[in-house]
Protein backbone atom coordinates (compact mmCIF):
# COMPACT_ATOMS: atom_id res chain seq x y z
CA UNK A 1 -9.72 49.63 -23.92
CA UNK A 2 -9.57 46.19 -25.48
CA UNK A 3 -8.93 43.28 -23.11
CA UNK A 4 -6.10 41.21 -24.61
CA UNK A 5 -5.63 37.61 -23.52
CA UNK A 6 -2.14 36.87 -22.20
CA UNK A 7 -0.03 33.93 -23.30
CA UNK A 8 -1.33 30.74 -21.61
CA UNK A 9 2.18 29.79 -20.45
CA UNK A 10 2.58 33.05 -18.56
CA UNK A 11 0.69 31.91 -15.43
CA UNK A 12 3.05 28.94 -15.13
CA UNK A 13 6.28 30.89 -15.46
CA UNK A 14 5.13 34.27 -14.24
CA UNK A 15 5.28 33.66 -10.48
CA UNK A 16 8.99 32.84 -10.42
CA UNK A 17 9.92 35.51 -12.95
CA UNK A 18 7.86 38.12 -11.13
CA UNK A 19 9.26 37.13 -7.74
CA UNK A 20 12.75 37.57 -9.15
CA UNK A 21 11.64 40.98 -10.46
CA UNK A 22 10.61 41.93 -6.90
CA UNK A 23 6.85 41.29 -6.88
CA UNK A 24 5.65 39.96 -3.52
CA UNK A 25 3.57 36.90 -4.44
CA UNK A 26 3.55 33.28 -3.21
CA UNK A 27 5.19 30.45 -5.17
CA UNK A 28 1.80 29.13 -6.26
CA UNK A 29 -0.54 32.09 -6.26
CA UNK A 30 -4.22 31.24 -6.14
CA UNK A 31 -5.70 34.22 -4.30
CA UNK A 32 -7.51 36.63 -6.57
CA UNK A 33 -5.39 39.47 -5.14
CA UNK A 34 -2.14 37.74 -6.20
CA UNK A 35 -3.47 36.80 -9.64
CA UNK A 36 -4.53 40.41 -10.14
CA UNK A 37 -1.00 41.55 -9.21
CA UNK A 38 0.43 39.22 -11.85
CA UNK A 39 -2.03 40.36 -14.50
CA UNK A 40 -1.45 44.02 -13.66
CA UNK A 41 2.31 43.58 -13.95
CA UNK A 42 1.95 42.01 -17.39
CA UNK A 43 -0.49 44.78 -18.37
CA UNK A 44 2.02 47.40 -17.22
CA UNK A 45 4.85 45.71 -19.14
CA UNK A 46 2.70 45.52 -22.26
CA UNK A 47 1.84 49.19 -22.00
CA UNK A 48 5.44 50.25 -21.29
CA UNK A 49 7.04 48.14 -24.02
CA UNK A 50 4.26 47.84 -26.63
CA UNK A 51 5.19 44.16 -26.85
CA UNK A 52 2.51 41.48 -27.22
CA UNK A 53 1.71 39.35 -24.18
CA UNK A 54 3.18 36.34 -25.99
CA UNK A 55 6.57 38.07 -26.16
CA UNK A 56 6.35 39.11 -22.53
CA UNK A 57 5.57 35.53 -21.52
CA UNK A 58 8.59 34.28 -23.45
CA UNK A 59 10.83 36.93 -21.92
CA UNK A 60 9.59 35.89 -18.47
CA UNK A 61 10.22 32.22 -19.30
CA UNK A 62 13.73 32.93 -20.56
CA UNK A 63 14.55 35.00 -17.50
CA UNK A 64 14.34 32.06 -15.08
CA UNK A 65 16.36 28.88 -14.81
CA UNK A 66 19.85 28.02 -15.95
CA UNK A 67 21.45 30.05 -18.72
CA UNK A 68 23.94 28.11 -20.80
CA UNK A 69 26.75 29.44 -22.96
CA UNK A 70 25.89 29.44 -26.66
CA UNK A 71 28.86 27.18 -27.43
CA UNK A 72 27.50 24.47 -25.10
CA UNK A 73 24.04 24.73 -26.66
CA UNK A 74 25.49 24.36 -30.15
CA UNK A 75 27.63 21.40 -29.04
CA UNK A 76 24.66 19.62 -27.46
CA UNK A 77 22.44 20.40 -30.47
CA UNK A 78 24.97 18.80 -32.81
CA UNK A 79 24.56 15.52 -30.92
CA UNK A 80 20.87 15.47 -31.82
CA UNK A 81 21.60 16.31 -35.45
CA UNK A 82 23.98 13.35 -35.62
CA UNK A 83 21.33 11.00 -34.18
CA UNK A 84 18.41 12.09 -36.38
CA UNK A 85 20.57 12.50 -39.44
């Protein structure tokens, strides 16, 4: 089996996303056991979904934090368009 490198952002976002998904890991995992749990979860997701690790990392990133309504995002984006022309 080929060892595929995960998205480099995944270790930064993964702990919170994985905690919210029910994985028992600390907020800032450093123990090899916890890092292996994170890697194994991403490996399982990749196998189950056939998605690349990059996509899984993005899904994890998008699954945490504040979710805004699309109308608000469009409204705020239009402010930047007006400034940069």
